[in-house]
């Protein structure tokens, strides 16, 4: 069998390290404390406004369980948040498999952590293009890159990682974690992966339809010619 063919997995995976980066922050005020109640040793990696929101929710507790992605990776966010999560340590943590010795060596070599859950939802592209007078440049700026990449990586690795894209899923996830001593089953993770890929497919379809409806004149009208 090839090195990338998995033959052994765990049905139950304990949620210990989480990456949270959301545009829609609804539900975090109950979801994040709920996760910590089930496992006080959880580490939460987060970015930008999401980090600030979680810090506000947790208060002093944030000092022991919350870390900025930039502090974890050693790479500061770029100006304007253009690049925040596209980092080797993040994707190693998302894609590694438990029973692959090479993967485990890579984690040790880079001091990276296996990430067990990703909580991500995307820049509001649909909401942006529905506004009156929105330009192609406004729309272009709201095409999320890091979010879909994290969702796809975590959903691909459903054999170990939970990919959470919908705040409406939070209560059921907490219920399942409580029933399984802080772990999620393969069935839970596979169901979340199905939902995650549908989410990114819808997102890409919306972008494709929008760009497909525009003419080059619509694009040219947004920009001044360069020198």
C-alpha atoms as a PDB file:
ATOM      1  CA  UNK A   1       0.000   0.000   0.000  1.00  0.00           C
ATOM      2  CA  UNK A   2       1.148   3.565  -0.679  1.00  0.00           C
ATOM      3  CA  UNK A   3       2.353   5.841   2.081  1.00  0.00           C
ATOM      4  CA  UNK A   4      -0.724   8.041   1.757  1.00  0.00           C
ATOM      5  CA  UNK A   5      -3.232   5.194   2.008  1.00  0.00           C
ATOM      6  CA  UNK A   6      -4.653   5.007   5.523  1.00  0.00           C
ATOM      7  CA  UNK A   7      -5.436   1.586   6.955  1.00  0.00           C
ATOM      8  CA  UNK A   8      -5.908   2.320  10.663  1.00  0.00           C
ATOM      9  CA  UNK A   9      -7.878   5.117  12.363  1.00  0.00           C
ATOM     10  CA  UNK A  10      -9.583   5.914  15.672  1.00  0.00           C
ATOM     11  CA  UNK A  11     -13.362   6.023  15.756  1.00  0.00           C
ATOM     12  CA  UNK A  12     -13.347   8.412  18.727  1.00  0.00           C
ATOM     13  CA  UNK A  13     -11.008  11.435  18.610  1.00  0.00           C
ATOM     14  CA  UNK A  14     -10.624  13.615  21.698  1.00  0.00           C
ATOM     15  CA  UNK A  15     -10.870  17.325  20.879  1.00  0.00           C
ATOM     16  CA  UNK A  16      -7.783  18.959  22.354  1.00  0.00           C
ATOM     17  CA  UNK A  17      -6.585  21.608  19.871  1.00  0.00           C
ATOM     18  CA  UNK A  18      -9.034  23.823  17.964  1.00  0.00           C
ATOM     19  CA  UNK A  19      -8.538  26.468  15.307  1.00  0.00           C
ATOM     20  CA  UNK A  20     -11.300  29.114  15.229  1.00  0.00           C
ATOM     21  CA  UNK A  21     -11.565  31.825  12.548  1.00  0.00           C
ATOM     22  CA  UNK A  22     -15.084  32.976  11.754  1.00  0.00           C
ATOM     23  CA  UNK A  23     -16.794  35.816   9.961  1.00  0.00           C
ATOM     24  CA  UNK A  24     -20.128  34.979  11.619  1.00  0.00           C
ATOM     25  CA  UNK A  25     -19.361  35.033  15.340  1.00  0.00           C
ATOM     26  CA  UNK A  26     -22.864  34.126  16.490  1.00  0.00           C
ATOM     27  CA  UNK A  27     -23.021  31.242  18.920  1.00  0.00           C
ATOM     28  CA  UNK A  28     -19.420  31.526  20.102  1.00  0.00           C
ATOM     29  CA  UNK A  29     -20.545  32.920  23.458  1.00  0.00           C
ATOM     30  CA  UNK A  30     -22.014  29.522  24.371  1.00  0.00           C
ATOM     31  CA  UNK A  31     -19.928  27.204  22.169  1.00  0.00           C
ATOM     32  CA  UNK A  32     -16.465  28.220  23.392  1.00  0.00           C
ATOM     33  CA  UNK A  33     -17.276  28.050  27.150  1.00  0.00           C
ATOM     34  CA  UNK A  34     -19.095  24.777  26.457  1.00  0.00           C
ATOM     35  CA  UNK A  35     -15.978  23.265  24.906  1.00  0.00           C
ATOM     36  CA  UNK A  36     -13.843  24.359  27.856  1.00  0.00           C
ATOM     37  CA  UNK A  37     -16.333  23.001  30.348  1.00  0.00           C
ATOM     38  CA  UNK A  38     -15.997  19.579  28.708  1.00  0.00           C
ATOM     39  CA  UNK A  39     -12.204  19.806  28.467  1.00  0.00           C
ATOM     40  CA  UNK A  40     -10.481  22.598  30.445  1.00  0.00           C
ATOM     41  CA  UNK A  41      -7.152  21.691  28.794  1.00  0.00           C
ATOM     42  CA  UNK A  42      -8.316  22.567  25.263  1.00  0.00           C
ATOM     43  CA  UNK A  43      -6.017  24.917  23.342  1.00  0.00           C
ATOM     44  CA  UNK A  44      -7.758  27.399  21.063  1.00  0.00           C
ATOM     45  CA  UNK A  45      -5.815  28.941  18.181  1.00  0.00           C
ATOM     46  CA  UNK A  46      -7.444  31.986  16.647  1.00  0.00           C
ATOM     47  CA  UNK A  47      -6.966  35.075  14.487  1.00  0.00           C
ATOM     48  CA  UNK A  48      -7.871  38.752  14.294  1.00  0.00           C
ATOM     49  CA  UNK A  49     -11.395  39.683  15.274  1.00  0.00           C
ATOM     50  CA  UNK A  50     -12.242  36.118  16.256  1.00  0.00           C
ATOM     51  CA  UNK A  51      -9.357  36.080  18.729  1.00  0.00           C
ATOM     52  CA  UNK A  52     -10.630  39.335  20.219  1.00  0.00           C
ATOM     53  CA  UNK A  53     -14.171  38.001  20.510  1.00  0.00           C
ATOM     54  CA  UNK A  54     -13.068  34.779  22.216  1.00  0.00           C
ATOM     55  CA  UNK A  55     -10.823  36.729  24.594  1.00  0.00           C
ATOM     56  CA  UNK A  56     -13.803  38.907  25.495  1.00  0.00           C
ATOM     57  CA  UNK A  57     -15.991  35.825  26.076  1.00  0.00           C
ATOM     58  CA  UNK A  58     -13.453  34.019  28.268  1.00  0.00           C
ATOM     59  CA  UNK A  59     -11.989  36.899  30.232  1.00  0.00           C
ATOM     60  CA  UNK A  60      -9.069  35.780  32.422  1.00  0.00           C
ATOM     61  CA  UNK A  61      -9.517  32.145  31.337  1.00  0.00           C
ATOM     62  CA  UNK A  62      -8.183  33.158  27.915  1.00  0.00           C
ATOM     63  CA  UNK A  63      -4.675  33.484  29.373  1.00  0.00           C
ATOM     64  CA  UNK A  64      -4.334  29.716  29.727  1.00  0.00           C
ATOM     65  CA  UNK A  65      -6.223  28.356  26.703  1.00  0.00           C
ATOM     66  CA  UNK A  66      -6.196  30.950  23.900  1.00  0.00           C
ATOM     67  CA  UNK A  67      -3.301  31.693  21.544  1.00  0.00           C
ATOM     68  CA  UNK A  68      -3.003  33.844  18.447  1.00  0.00           C
ATOM     69  CA  UNK A  69      -2.216  31.866  15.295  1.00  0.00           C
ATOM     70  CA  UNK A  70       0.626  34.293  14.623  1.00  0.00           C
ATOM     71  CA  UNK A  71       2.198  33.463  18.016  1.00  0.00           C
ATOM     72  CA  UNK A  72       1.838  29.751  17.287  1.00  0.00           C
ATOM     73  CA  UNK A  73       3.307  29.877  13.774  1.00  0.00           C
ATOM     74  CA  UNK A  74       5.874  32.614  14.451  1.00  0.00           C
ATOM     75  CA  UNK A  75       4.598  34.495  11.404  1.00  0.00           C
ATOM     76  CA  UNK A  76       2.743  37.782  12.004  1.00  0.00           C
ATOM     77  CA  UNK A  77      -0.453  38.486  10.092  1.00  0.00           C
ATOM     78  CA  UNK A  78       0.103  40.591   6.984  1.00  0.00           C
ATOM     79  CA  UNK A  79      -1.290  44.109   6.806  1.00  0.00           C
ATOM     80  CA  UNK A  80      -5.061  44.122   6.422  1.00  0.00           C
ATOM     81  CA  UNK A  81      -5.242  40.448   7.374  1.00  0.00           C
ATOM     82  CA  UNK A  82      -4.420  39.326   3.815  1.00  0.00           C
ATOM     83  CA  UNK A  83      -2.526  36.246   5.059  1.00  0.00           C
ATOM     84  CA  UNK A  84      -3.320  34.849   8.502  1.00  0.00           C
ATOM     85  CA  UNK A  85      -3.626  31.077   8.468  1.00  0.00           C
ATOM     86  CA  UNK A  86      -1.820  29.926   5.302  1.00  0.00           C
ATOM     87  CA  UNK A  87       1.130  28.439   7.124  1.00  0.00           C
ATOM     88  CA  UNK A  88       2.989  25.105   7.014  1.00  0.00           C
ATOM     89  CA  UNK A  89       2.468  24.380  10.724  1.00  0.00           C
ATOM     90  CA  UNK A  90      -1.274  24.903  10.401  1.00  0.00           C
ATOM     91  CA  UNK A  91      -1.703  22.545   7.457  1.00  0.00           C
ATOM     92  CA  UNK A  92       0.635  19.953   8.895  1.00  0.00           C
ATOM     93  CA  UNK A  93      -1.584  20.032  11.974  1.00  0.00           C
ATOM     94  CA  UNK A  94      -4.717  19.586   9.881  1.00  0.00           C
ATOM     95  CA  UNK A  95      -3.579  16.924   7.431  1.00  0.00           C
ATOM     96  CA  UNK A  96      -1.419  14.588   9.521  1.00  0.00           C
ATOM     97  CA  UNK A  97      -2.719  11.117  10.289  1.00  0.00           C
ATOM     98  CA  UNK A  98      -2.417   9.513  13.713  1.00  0.00           C
ATOM     99  CA  UNK A  99      -0.870   6.213  12.659  1.00  0.00           C
ATOM    100  CA  UNK A 100       1.505   7.563  10.009  1.00  0.00           C
ATOM    101  CA  UNK A 101       4.989   7.556  11.564  1.00  0.00           C
ATOM    102  CA  UNK A 102       6.353  10.028   9.004  1.00  0.00           C
ATOM    103  CA  UNK A 103       3.577  12.477   9.825  1.00  0.00           C
ATOM    104  CA  UNK A 104       4.242  12.166  13.520  1.00  0.00           C
ATOM    105  CA  UNK A 105       7.954  12.811  12.934  1.00  0.00           C
ATOM    106  CA  UNK A 106       7.047  15.930  10.922  1.00  0.00           C
ATOM    107  CA  UNK A 107       4.972  17.196  13.846  1.00  0.00           C
ATOM    108  CA  UNK A 108       7.901  16.684  16.231  1.00  0.00           C
ATOM    109  CA  UNK A 109      10.407  18.224  13.822  1.00  0.00           C
ATOM    110  CA  UNK A 110       8.387  21.427  13.476  1.00  0.00           C
ATOM    111  CA  UNK A 111       6.960  21.529  17.034  1.00  0.00           C
ATOM    112  CA  UNK A 112       3.523  21.535  15.424  1.00  0.00           C
ATOM    113  CA  UNK A 113       0.314  20.329  17.036  1.00  0.00           C
ATOM    114  CA  UNK A 114      -2.258  18.006  15.558  1.00  0.00           C
ATOM    115  CA  UNK A 115      -5.395  20.138  15.198  1.00  0.00           C
ATOM    116  CA  UNK A 116      -8.556  18.188  16.046  1.00  0.00           C
ATOM    117  CA  UNK A 117     -11.248  20.701  15.103  1.00  0.00           C
ATOM    118  CA  UNK A 118     -11.547  23.663  12.745  1.00  0.00           C
ATOM    119  CA  UNK A 119     -14.359  26.168  13.289  1.00  0.00           C
ATOM    120  CA  UNK A 120     -14.485  28.379  10.213  1.00  0.00           C
ATOM    121  CA  UNK A 121     -17.052  30.297   8.227  1.00  0.00           C
ATOM    122  CA  UNK A 122     -16.297  32.514   5.276  1.00  0.00           C
ATOM    123  CA  UNK A 123     -16.165  36.171   4.258  1.00  0.00           C
ATOM    124  CA  UNK A 124     -19.739  37.259   3.440  1.00  0.00           C
ATOM    125  CA  UNK A 125     -19.450  37.188  -0.368  1.00  0.00           C
ATOM    126  CA  UNK A 126     -23.190  36.737  -0.995  1.00  0.00           C
ATOM    127  CA  UNK A 127     -24.036  39.626   1.320  1.00  0.00           C
ATOM    128  CA  UNK A 128     -21.427  41.832  -0.339  1.00  0.00           C
ATOM    129  CA  UNK A 129     -22.655  41.318  -3.908  1.00  0.00           C
ATOM    130  CA  UNK A 130     -26.277  41.823  -2.861  1.00  0.00           C
ATOM    131  CA  UNK A 131     -25.576  45.430  -1.841  1.00  0.00           C
ATOM    132  CA  UNK A 132     -26.598  48.291  -4.099  1.00  0.00           C
ATOM    133  CA  UNK A 133     -23.774  49.668  -6.234  1.00  0.00           C
ATOM    134  CA  UNK A 134     -21.198  47.036  -5.274  1.00  0.00           C
ATOM    135  CA  UNK A 135     -18.191  46.965  -7.610  1.00  0.00           C
ATOM    136  CA  UNK A 136     -16.188  44.036  -8.921  1.00  0.00           C
ATOM    137  CA  UNK A 137     -13.332  45.230  -6.687  1.00  0.00           C
ATOM    138  CA  UNK A 138     -15.610  45.171  -3.619  1.00  0.00           C
ATOM    139  CA  UNK A 139     -16.566  41.610  -4.512  1.00  0.00           C
ATOM    140  CA  UNK A 140     -12.970  40.548  -5.246  1.00  0.00           C
ATOM    141  CA  UNK A 141     -11.850  41.743  -1.811  1.00  0.00           C
ATOM    142  CA  UNK A 142     -14.448  39.482  -0.183  1.00  0.00           C
ATOM    143  CA  UNK A 143     -13.273  36.267  -1.810  1.00  0.00           C
ATOM    144  CA  UNK A 144     -12.000  34.191   1.095  1.00  0.00           C
ATOM    145  CA  UNK A 145      -8.828  32.150   0.512  1.00  0.00           C
ATOM    146  CA  UNK A 146      -7.619  30.923   3.910  1.00  0.00           C
ATOM    147  CA  UNK A 147     -11.090  29.938   5.111  1.00  0.00           C
ATOM    148  CA  UNK A 148     -11.959  27.528   2.281  1.00  0.00           C
ATOM    149  CA  UNK A 149      -8.444  26.089   2.417  1.00  0.00           C
ATOM    150  CA  UNK A 150      -8.773  25.286   6.127  1.00  0.00           C
ATOM    151  CA  UNK A 151     -12.258  23.871   5.621  1.00  0.00           C
ATOM    152  CA  UNK A 152     -11.128  21.655   2.753  1.00  0.00           C
ATOM    153  CA  UNK A 153      -8.024  20.425   4.576  1.00  0.00           C
ATOM    154  CA  UNK A 154      -9.903  19.560   7.751  1.00  0.00           C
ATOM    155  CA  UNK A 155     -12.846  18.009   5.891  1.00  0.00           C
ATOM    156  CA  UNK A 156     -10.495  15.918   3.731  1.00  0.00           C
ATOM    157  CA  UNK A 157      -8.960  14.552   6.933  1.00  0.00           C
ATOM    158  CA  UNK A 158     -12.308  13.643   8.512  1.00  0.00           C
ATOM    159  CA  UNK A 159     -10.671  10.432   9.674  1.00  0.00           C
ATOM    160  CA  UNK A 160      -9.185  12.580  12.461  1.00  0.00           C
ATOM    161  CA  UNK A 161     -10.406  16.197  12.215  1.00  0.00           C
ATOM    162  CA  UNK A 162     -13.824  17.815  12.693  1.00  0.00           C
ATOM    163  CA  UNK A 163     -14.635  20.598  10.221  1.00  0.00           C
ATOM    164  CA  UNK A 164     -17.322  22.933  11.604  1.00  0.00           C
ATOM    165  CA  UNK A 165     -18.799  25.537   9.233  1.00  0.00           C
ATOM    166  CA  UNK A 166     -22.260  26.304  10.614  1.00  0.00           C
ATOM    167  CA  UNK A 167     -22.988  27.981  13.972  1.00  0.00           C
ATOM    168  CA  UNK A 168     -26.273  26.054  14.048  1.00  0.00           C
ATOM    169  CA  UNK A 169     -24.181  22.889  14.474  1.00  0.00           C
ATOM    170  CA  UNK A 170     -22.644  24.049  17.773  1.00  0.00           C
ATOM    171  CA  UNK A 171     -25.311  22.691  20.160  1.00  0.00           C
ATOM    172  CA  UNK A 172     -25.288  19.203  18.603  1.00  0.00           C
ATOM    173  CA  UNK A 173     -21.478  19.104  18.641  1.00  0.00           C
ATOM    174  CA  UNK A 174     -21.456  19.962  22.342  1.00  0.00           C
ATOM    175  CA  UNK A 175     -24.100  17.308  22.961  1.00  0.00           C
ATOM    176  CA  UNK A 176     -22.066  14.663  21.121  1.00  0.00           C
ATOM    177  CA  UNK A 177     -18.865  15.666  22.918  1.00  0.00           C
ATOM    178  CA  UNK A 178     -20.614  15.434  26.278  1.00  0.00           C
ATOM    179  CA  UNK A 179     -21.951  11.973  25.430  1.00  0.00           C
ATOM    180  CA  UNK A 180     -18.488  10.734  24.443  1.00  0.00           C
ATOM    181  CA  UNK A 181     -16.219  12.204  27.143  1.00  0.00           C
ATOM    182  CA  UNK A 182     -14.966  15.058  24.975  1.00  0.00           C
ATOM    183  CA  UNK A 183     -14.521  13.021  21.791  1.00  0.00           C
ATOM    184  CA  UNK A 184     -16.249  13.013  18.398  1.00  0.00           C
ATOM    185  CA  UNK A 185     -16.900   9.809  16.498  1.00  0.00           C
ATOM    186  CA  UNK A 186     -16.013   9.007  12.893  1.00  0.00           C
ATOM    187  CA  UNK A 187     -19.715   9.339  12.110  1.00  0.00           C
ATOM    188  CA  UNK A 188     -19.770  12.824  13.612  1.00  0.00           C
ATOM    189  CA  UNK A 189     -16.663  13.882  11.686  1.00  0.00           C
ATOM    190  CA  UNK A 190     -17.859  12.409   8.406  1.00  0.00           C
ATOM    191  CA  UNK A 191     -21.203  14.199   8.705  1.00  0.00           C
ATOM    192  CA  UNK A 192     -19.403  17.489   9.349  1.00  0.00           C
ATOM    193  CA  UNK A 193     -17.150  16.870   6.328  1.00  0.00           C
ATOM    194  CA  UNK A 194     -20.178  16.354   4.080  1.00  0.00           C
ATOM    195  CA  UNK A 195     -21.614  19.642   5.272  1.00  0.00           C
ATOM    196  CA  UNK A 196     -18.241  21.402   4.921  1.00  0.00           C
ATOM    197  CA  UNK A 197     -17.716  20.436   1.276  1.00  0.00           C
ATOM    198  CA  UNK A 198     -21.279  21.477   0.429  1.00  0.00           C
ATOM    199  CA  UNK A 199     -20.539  24.826   2.094  1.00  0.00           C
ATOM    200  CA  UNK A 200     -17.387  25.469   0.043  1.00  0.00           C
ATOM    201  CA  UNK A 201     -19.099  24.239  -3.134  1.00  0.00           C
ATOM    202  CA  UNK A 202     -21.950  26.727  -2.611  1.00  0.00           C
ATOM    203  CA  UNK A 203     -19.423  29.465  -1.904  1.00  0.00           C
ATOM    204  CA  UNK A 204     -17.450  28.791  -5.083  1.00  0.00           C
ATOM    205  CA  UNK A 205     -20.650  28.525  -7.149  1.00  0.00           C
ATOM    206  CA  UNK A 206     -21.699  31.960  -5.919  1.00  0.00           C
ATOM    207  CA  UNK A 207     -18.340  33.481  -6.867  1.00  0.00           C
ATOM    208  CA  UNK A 208     -18.333  31.742 -10.251  1.00  0.00           C
ATOM    209  CA  UNK A 209     -21.862  32.927 -11.057  1.00  0.00           C
ATOM    210  CA  UNK A 210     -21.062  36.488 -10.038  1.00  0.00           C
ATOM    211  CA  UNK A 211     -17.847  36.737 -12.064  1.00  0.00           C
ATOM    212  CA  UNK A 212     -19.526  34.976 -14.980  1.00  0.00           C
ATOM    213  CA  UNK A 213     -22.200  37.668 -15.055  1.00  0.00           C
ATOM    214  CA  UNK A 214     -19.666  40.494 -15.492  1.00  0.00           C
ATOM    215  CA  UNK A 215     -17.990  41.963 -18.561  1.00  0.00           C
ATOM    216  CA  UNK A 216     -14.414  43.183 -18.812  1.00  0.00           C
ATOM    217  CA  UNK A 217     -15.764  46.756 -18.897  1.00  0.00           C
ATOM    218  CA  UNK A 218     -17.202  46.164 -15.417  1.00  0.00           C
ATOM    219  CA  UNK A 219     -13.691  45.231 -14.303  1.00  0.00           C
ATOM    220  CA  UNK A 220     -11.874  48.064 -16.087  1.00  0.00           C
ATOM    221  CA  UNK A 221     -14.185  50.648 -14.549  1.00  0.00           C
ATOM    222  CA  UNK A 222     -12.866  49.785 -11.059  1.00  0.00           C
ATOM    223  CA  UNK A 223      -9.204  50.640 -11.622  1.00  0.00           C
ATOM    224  CA  UNK A 224      -6.855  53.336 -12.785  1.00  0.00           C
ATOM    225  CA  UNK A 225      -4.195  52.241 -15.262  1.00  0.00           C
ATOM    226  CA  UNK A 226      -0.795  51.529 -13.756  1.00  0.00           C
ATOM    227  CA  UNK A 227       2.278  53.392 -14.850  1.00  0.00           C
END
